[in-house]
Amino acid sequence: MSKTTTKQHIDPKLYADLQRPTSAASIKNYFAQVFAAFTYQSFGYVMMASFLTFVYSEYLGVSSAAIAGVMSIGIIIDGITDFLMGAVTDRVRTKYGKIRHWFLWMSVPLGISIMLIYMVPASASTTIKLVYAFIMYNLFCCLLTSIRIPAAAAPTLCTQNDKVRGIMIWAGTIGNTGGTNITNWLVVPLVALFGGGLAGYRGTSITMGFITIVSGFLAFMLYHETRLDGDWEDVDKTFMKTHNREKRENVLEQFKFLLSNKWWVIYTLSLLAGGISMGFGFGCMAYYLQYVQGDMGLFGLFGTVLSIPMLVGSVVSIVLIQFVEARRLAVILFGLQA
């Protein structure tokens, strides 16, 4: 006999609370955004973006060019999985809503991928090391996407109030920048604490993986969404009836719709350019400090200096968004970044 699953609906009082900027539910969502940023952008991400090439070339004997090639392929795969994960996020609904469950399901696999990234045997052949790096890096990117995309959708799915959404976006930005700076200051002391060299980076990656798991679970526990699976089922039925459709758009139709939105195209290209720029900056920093400055202990300081413009931009954007349309402001700020 099949078991019938009861669809969940949002409590009207909670829904009303999620529209108020100072309610307990909204404040929990602000903190959830910070912990979500810790999960997908800070601790584990820094271990990959800033140290993957350095550790594999300096301690595992793989050429930096080969690892850079691995990461380049990973970026292409990541771009494809971003769009696919957006479609999956939109379609998978549970009693928690659309995004919360991803933090419950994927935080542990993401944390484990961070823990294992430097665990290839040092005595293995270069080919095996490259294959291992390729598999682990792309696995990390896919798992990261499974949390990053839901987190990006959170401000829209957790409230209908523009002010609350703005605060959630700001909280996520602060979490990104703050968590990255904390990580920058922690890595070098932790590497020394775990014995330095390859063993030090392995111990540090295990620590960062554990922090990532804890952050993901905290985000899961704190998030509140405005619609649960039963609410989304009602929304779909209303949409189909209103638009006289028998089924929703497929992924290809949705992608075509995105390409027709010039603001989305501009924003995406700006993000790509900014990501490449940051990748060069943070990816080369370990080499610069090791061989030019001769002091890896400066990693935290240099990382903080590089992040100051991001912190300033986060504060300024909150003020400017009151006077300038959000999409135009985004284009202006990306132009300044370039």
Protein backbone atom coordinates (compact mmCIF):
# COMPACT_ATOMS: atom_id res chain seq x y z
CA MET A 1 0.00 0.00 0.00
CA SER A 2 1.57 3.29 -1.06
CA LYS A 3 2.16 5.97 1.50
CA THR A 4 0.60 9.36 0.83
CA THR A 5 2.82 12.35 1.59
CA THR A 6 1.02 15.38 2.98
CA LYS A 7 2.04 18.64 1.34
CA GLN A 8 3.12 21.40 3.67
CA HIS A 9 1.85 24.99 3.66
CA ILE A 10 3.39 28.08 5.22
CA ASP A 11 1.88 29.32 8.46
CA PRO A 12 0.17 32.69 7.74
CA LYS A 13 1.73 34.29 10.82
CA LEU A 14 5.22 33.21 9.76
CA TYR A 15 4.57 34.49 6.24
CA ALA A 16 3.61 37.90 7.66
CA ASP A 17 6.71 37.93 9.88
CA LEU A 18 8.94 37.26 6.88
CA GLN A 19 7.76 40.55 5.35
CA ARG A 20 8.90 42.60 8.35
CA PRO A 21 12.61 43.62 8.39
CA THR A 22 12.94 43.40 12.19
CA SER A 23 10.97 40.21 12.87
CA ALA A 24 12.73 37.21 14.44
CA ALA A 25 12.13 35.17 11.27
CA SER A 26 13.75 37.82 9.06
CA ILE A 27 16.72 38.20 11.41
CA LYS A 28 17.23 34.42 11.24
CA ASN A 29 17.26 34.69 7.46
CA TYR A 30 19.93 37.40 7.65
CA PHE A 31 22.15 35.13 9.71
CA ALA A 32 21.32 32.21 7.42
CA GLN A 33 22.67 34.24 4.48
CA VAL A 34 25.91 34.83 6.36
CA PHE A 35 26.35 31.13 7.15
CA ALA A 36 25.39 30.23 3.59
CA ALA A 37 28.18 32.51 2.36
CA PHE A 38 30.58 30.83 4.77
CA THR A 39 29.55 27.50 3.25
CA TYR A 40 30.00 28.25 -0.44
CA GLN A 41 32.39 31.21 -0.63
CA SER A 42 34.76 31.37 2.31
CA PHE A 43 36.60 28.55 4.01
CA GLY A 44 36.68 25.78 1.42
CA TYR A 45 36.61 28.16 -1.54
CA VAL A 46 39.79 29.92 -0.42
CA MET A 47 41.57 26.57 -0.08
CA MET A 48 40.77 25.91 -3.72
CA ALA A 49 41.04 29.33 -5.35
CA SER A 50 44.18 30.51 -3.56
CA PHE A 51 46.11 27.34 -2.78
CA LEU A 52 45.21 24.51 -5.18
CA THR A 53 47.81 25.41 -7.82
CA PHE A 54 50.38 26.35 -5.17
CA VAL A 55 50.12 23.11 -3.18
CA TYR A 56 50.07 20.82 -6.20
CA SER A 57 53.07 22.54 -7.79
CA GLU A 58 55.15 23.13 -4.67
CA TYR A 59 54.47 19.96 -2.66
CA LEU A 60 53.09 17.39 -5.11
CA GLY A 61 55.39 18.11 -8.05
CA VAL A 62 52.73 18.91 -10.66
CA SER A 63 53.36 21.83 -13.00
CA SER A 64 51.32 24.94 -12.30
CA ALA A 65 50.34 25.10 -15.98
CA ALA A 66 48.79 21.62 -15.78
CA ILE A 67 46.78 22.50 -12.67
CA ALA A 68 45.72 25.79 -14.27
CA GLY A 69 44.42 23.73 -17.20
CA VAL A 70 42.43 21.55 -14.82
CA MET A 71 40.90 24.63 -13.20
CA SER A 72 40.11 26.20 -16.58
CA ILE A 73 38.13 23.15 -17.65
CA GLY A 74 36.44 23.23 -14.26
CA ILE A 75 35.29 26.80 -14.84
CA ILE A 76 33.57 25.77 -18.08
CA ILE A 77 31.87 22.82 -16.37
CA ASP A 78 30.90 25.10 -13.50
CA GLY A 79 29.22 27.52 -15.90
CA ILE A 80 27.10 24.70 -17.34
CA THR A 81 26.17 23.28 -13.95
CA ASP A 82 25.17 26.74 -12.69
CA PHE A 83 22.35 26.92 -15.19
CA LEU A 84 21.33 23.28 -14.69
CA MET A 85 21.31 23.71 -10.92
CA GLY A 86 19.08 26.76 -11.29
CA ALA A 87 16.56 24.62 -13.18
CA VAL A 88 16.83 21.82 -10.62
CA THR A 89 16.36 24.24 -7.71
CA ASP A 90 13.21 25.56 -9.33
CA ARG A 91 11.76 22.09 -9.76
CA VAL A 92 12.69 20.23 -6.57
CA ARG A 93 10.29 21.17 -3.75
CA THR A 94 10.14 19.57 -0.30
CA LYS A 95 8.44 20.29 2.99
CA TYR A 96 11.23 22.83 3.57
CA GLY A 97 10.55 24.78 0.36
CA LYS A 98 12.96 25.14 -2.58
CA ILE A 99 16.34 25.93 -1.02
CA ARG A 100 16.66 24.79 2.60
CA HIS A 101 16.99 21.09 1.83
CA TRP A 102 20.06 21.64 -0.35
CA PHE A 103 22.02 22.77 2.71
CA LEU A 104 20.87 19.66 4.54
CA TRP A 105 21.73 17.33 1.67
CA MET A 106 24.92 18.81 0.24
CA SER A 107 26.88 20.36 3.13
CA VAL A 108 28.51 17.07 4.15
CA PRO A 109 29.52 16.01 0.59
CA LEU A 110 30.91 19.53 -0.01
CA GLY A 111 32.88 19.46 3.23
CA ILE A 112 34.29 16.01 2.44
CA SER A 113 35.41 17.15 -1.03
CA ILE A 114 37.36 19.97 0.63
CA MET A 115 38.94 17.54 3.10
CA LEU A 116 40.10 15.22 0.31
CA ILE A 117 41.46 17.73 -2.21
CA TYR A 118 45.14 17.32 -1.17
CA MET A 119 44.96 13.66 -0.13
CA VAL A 120 46.44 12.17 -3.31
CA PRO A 121 49.59 10.19 -2.37
CA ALA A 122 52.75 12.22 -2.87
CA SER A 123 54.41 9.12 -4.38
CA ALA A 124 51.75 8.77 -7.11
CA SER A 125 52.62 9.49 -10.72
CA THR A 126 51.98 12.92 -12.22
CA THR A 127 49.18 11.48 -14.35
CA ILE A 128 47.39 10.06 -11.32
CA LYS A 129 47.78 13.36 -9.47
CA LEU A 130 46.34 15.29 -12.40
CA VAL A 131 43.39 12.91 -12.76
CA TYR A 132 42.78 13.10 -9.01
CA ALA A 133 42.93 16.91 -9.06
CA PHE A 134 40.58 17.03 -12.06
CA ILE A 135 38.01 14.75 -10.40
CA MET A 136 38.17 16.39 -6.98
CA TYR A 137 38.17 19.96 -8.23
CA ASN A 138 35.19 19.43 -10.52
CA LEU A 139 33.37 17.46 -7.85
CA PHE A 140 33.98 20.37 -5.48
CA CYS A 141 32.67 22.86 -8.07
CA CYS A 142 29.51 20.84 -8.69
CA LEU A 143 28.82 20.43 -4.97
CA LEU A 144 29.55 24.12 -4.41
CA THR A 145 27.04 25.01 -7.12
CA SER A 146 24.38 22.87 -5.44
CA ILE A 147 24.55 25.24 -2.47
CA ARG A 148 25.59 28.53 -4.08
CA ILE A 149 22.63 28.68 -6.49
CA PRO A 150 19.98 28.06 -3.78
CA ALA A 151 21.70 30.66 -1.59
CA ALA A 152 21.55 33.18 -4.44
CA ALA A 153 17.81 32.53 -4.77
CA ALA A 154 17.17 32.86 -1.03
CA PRO A 155 16.35 36.61 -0.91
CA THR A 156 13.61 36.07 -3.49
CA LEU A 157 12.20 32.92 -1.89
CA CYS A 158 12.37 34.00 1.75
CA THR A 159 10.38 37.25 1.53
CA GLN A 160 8.29 39.45 -0.75
CA ASN A 161 9.54 42.63 0.93
CA ASP A 162 12.17 44.52 -1.10
CA LYS A 163 13.83 45.98 2.00
CA VAL A 164 14.20 42.54 3.60
CA ARG A 165 15.59 41.21 0.33
CA GLY A 166 18.10 44.04 0.21
CA ILE A 167 19.27 43.31 3.75
CA MET A 168 19.60 39.60 2.94
CA ILE A 169 21.72 40.39 -0.11
CA TRP A 170 23.86 42.72 1.99
CA ALA A 171 24.21 40.04 4.70
CA GLY A 172 25.37 37.55 2.08
CA THR A 173 27.95 40.01 0.78
CA ILE A 174 29.25 40.65 4.28
CA GLY A 175 29.40 36.90 4.85
CA ASN A 176 31.36 36.44 1.61
CA THR A 177 33.89 39.14 2.37
CA GLY A 178 34.10 38.58 6.11
CA GLY A 179 34.41 34.81 5.82
CA THR A 180 37.07 35.09 3.14
CA ASN A 181 39.11 37.46 5.30
CA ILE A 182 38.82 35.18 8.32
CA THR A 183 40.03 32.29 6.18
CA ASN A 184 42.92 34.34 4.77
CA TRP A 185 44.14 35.06 8.28
CA LEU A 186 43.66 31.45 9.46
CA VAL A 187 45.30 29.43 6.68
CA VAL A 188 48.99 30.14 7.28
CA PRO A 189 48.85 29.69 11.11
CA LEU A 190 46.84 26.48 10.68
CA VAL A 191 49.33 25.11 8.15
CA ALA A 192 52.11 25.76 10.67
CA LEU A 193 50.02 24.22 13.48
CA PHE A 194 49.60 21.00 11.50
CA GLY A 195 53.32 20.68 10.84
CA GLY A 196 53.82 22.77 7.72
CA GLY A 197 54.35 21.52 4.19
CA LEU A 198 51.91 19.08 2.60
CA ALA A 199 50.79 17.72 5.97
CA GLY A 200 49.97 21.26 7.08
CA TYR A 201 47.78 21.95 4.06
CA ARG A 202 46.05 18.59 4.44
CA GLY A 203 45.24 19.30 8.07
CA THR A 204 44.03 22.79 7.18
CA SER A 205 41.77 21.48 4.41
CA ILE A 206 40.21 19.01 6.86
CA THR A 207 39.56 21.88 9.28
CA MET A 208 38.03 24.05 6.55
CA GLY A 209 35.87 21.17 5.39
CA PHE A 210 34.52 20.69 8.90
CA ILE A 211 33.75 24.41 9.27
CA THR A 212 31.96 24.29 5.90
CA ILE A 213 29.73 21.43 7.08
CA VAL A 214 28.83 23.23 10.32
CA SER A 215 28.09 26.48 8.46
CA GLY A 216 25.84 24.65 6.00
CA PHE A 217 23.81 23.01 8.76
CA LEU A 218 23.43 26.34 10.57
CA ALA A 219 22.10 27.91 7.36
CA PHE A 220 19.63 25.03 7.00
CA MET A 221 18.36 25.48 10.54
CA LEU A 222 17.97 29.27 10.27
CA TYR A 223 16.36 29.69 6.85
CA HIS A 224 12.60 30.28 6.54
CA GLU A 225 10.93 30.36 3.13
CA THR A 226 7.63 31.99 2.20
CA ARG A 227 6.37 28.91 0.34
CA LEU A 228 6.64 25.17 1.03
CA ASP A 229 5.89 22.27 -1.33
CA GLY A 230 2.11 22.56 -0.93
CA ASP A 231 2.20 26.30 -1.59
CA TRP A 232 4.27 25.83 -4.75
CA GLU A 233 1.85 23.19 -5.99
CA ASP A 234 -0.97 25.71 -5.63
CA VAL A 235 1.10 28.36 -7.44
CA ASP A 236 1.73 25.99 -10.35
CA LYS A 237 -1.95 25.12 -10.66
CA THR A 238 -2.91 28.80 -10.68
CA PHE A 239 -0.22 29.60 -13.27
CA MET A 240 -1.30 26.80 -15.60
CA LYS A 241 -4.94 27.83 -15.35
CA THR A 242 -4.23 31.55 -15.85
CA HIS A 243 -1.93 31.02 -18.84
CA ASN A 244 -3.91 28.11 -20.30
CA ARG A 245 -0.91 25.77 -20.24
CA GLU A 246 -0.73 22.03 -19.61
CA LYS A 247 2.89 22.03 -18.47
CA ARG A 248 5.68 24.40 -17.47
CA GLU A 249 8.43 25.63 -19.78
CA ASN A 250 11.30 23.22 -20.30
CA VAL A 251 14.90 24.11 -19.54
CA LEU A 252 15.67 25.10 -23.14
CA GLU A 253 12.73 27.51 -23.24
CA GLN A 254 13.84 29.07 -19.98
CA PHE A 255 17.39 29.50 -21.30
CA LYS A 256 16.11 31.23 -24.44
CA PHE A 257 14.10 33.55 -22.23
CA LEU A 258 17.23 34.44 -20.25
CA LEU A 259 19.18 35.21 -23.42
CA SER A 260 16.45 37.63 -24.46
CA ASN A 261 17.03 39.64 -21.27
CA LYS A 262 19.84 42.10 -22.05
CA TRP A 263 20.32 42.96 -18.38
CA TRP A 264 20.91 39.31 -17.51
CA VAL A 265 23.45 39.01 -20.33
CA ILE A 266 25.30 42.17 -19.21
CA TYR A 267 25.27 41.04 -15.59
CA THR A 268 26.53 37.55 -16.46
CA LEU A 269 29.37 38.85 -18.63
CA SER A 270 30.34 41.30 -15.88
CA LEU A 271 30.42 38.48 -13.33
CA LEU A 272 32.60 36.42 -15.68
CA ALA A 273 35.06 39.28 -16.14
CA GLY A 274 35.15 39.95 -12.40
CA GLY A 275 35.68 36.27 -11.63
CA ILE A 276 38.62 36.04 -14.03
CA SER A 277 40.19 39.15 -12.49
CA MET A 278 39.79 37.84 -8.93
CA GLY A 279 41.08 34.43 -9.99
CA PHE A 280 44.33 35.97 -11.23
CA GLY A 281 44.71 38.08 -8.10
CA PHE A 282 44.07 35.47 -5.43
CA GLY A 283 45.49 32.56 -7.43
CA CYS A 284 48.89 34.26 -7.79
CA MET A 285 49.04 35.69 -4.28
CA ALA A 286 50.61 32.63 -2.62
CA TYR A 287 53.42 32.57 -5.20
CA TYR A 288 53.96 36.32 -4.86
CA LEU A 289 54.27 36.14 -1.09
CA GLN A 290 56.47 33.04 -1.15
CA TYR A 291 58.96 34.15 -3.80
CA VAL A 292 58.75 37.94 -3.99
CA GLN A 293 57.93 39.01 -0.45
CA GLY A 294 59.49 35.91 1.12
CA ASP A 295 56.85 35.77 3.84
CA MET A 296 53.66 33.68 3.58
CA GLY A 297 52.63 35.15 6.92
CA LEU A 298 51.49 38.25 5.01
CA PHE A 299 48.70 36.28 3.31
CA GLY A 300 45.99 37.50 5.68
CA LEU A 301 47.06 41.14 5.41
CA PHE A 302 47.25 41.08 1.60
CA GLY A 303 43.90 39.32 1.39
CA THR A 304 42.29 41.94 3.60
CA VAL A 305 43.75 44.81 1.57
CA LEU A 306 42.40 43.26 -1.65
CA SER A 307 38.95 42.88 -0.09
CA ILE A 308 38.64 46.49 1.14
CA PRO A 309 37.06 47.66 -2.15
CA MET A 310 34.47 44.88 -1.82
CA LEU A 311 33.61 45.94 1.72
CA VAL A 312 33.32 49.58 0.69
CA GLY A 313 31.23 48.60 -2.31
CA SER A 314 28.86 46.60 -0.12
CA VAL A 315 28.19 49.59 2.13
CA VAL A 316 27.95 52.13 -0.70
CA SER A 317 25.58 49.95 -2.74
CA ILE A 318 23.13 49.73 0.16
CA VAL A 319 22.95 53.54 0.18
CA LEU A 320 22.86 54.03 -3.60
CA ILE A 321 20.16 51.42 -4.20
CA GLN A 322 17.73 53.78 -2.47
CA PHE A 323 18.20 56.27 -5.33
CA VAL A 324 19.28 54.24 -8.38
CA GLU A 325 17.45 51.34 -10.04
CA ALA A 326 19.10 48.07 -8.99
CA ARG A 327 19.98 46.81 -12.48
CA ARG A 328 21.46 50.14 -13.55
CA LEU A 329 23.43 50.38 -10.32
CA ALA A 330 24.84 46.90 -10.92
CA VAL A 331 26.03 47.88 -14.40
CA ILE A 332 27.61 51.11 -13.09
CA LEU A 333 29.48 49.31 -10.31
CA PHE A 334 30.68 46.55 -12.63
CA GLY A 335 31.94 49.28 -14.96
CA LEU A 336 33.93 50.82 -12.11
CA GLN A 337 35.33 47.41 -11.27
CA ALA A 338 36.56 46.99 -14.84
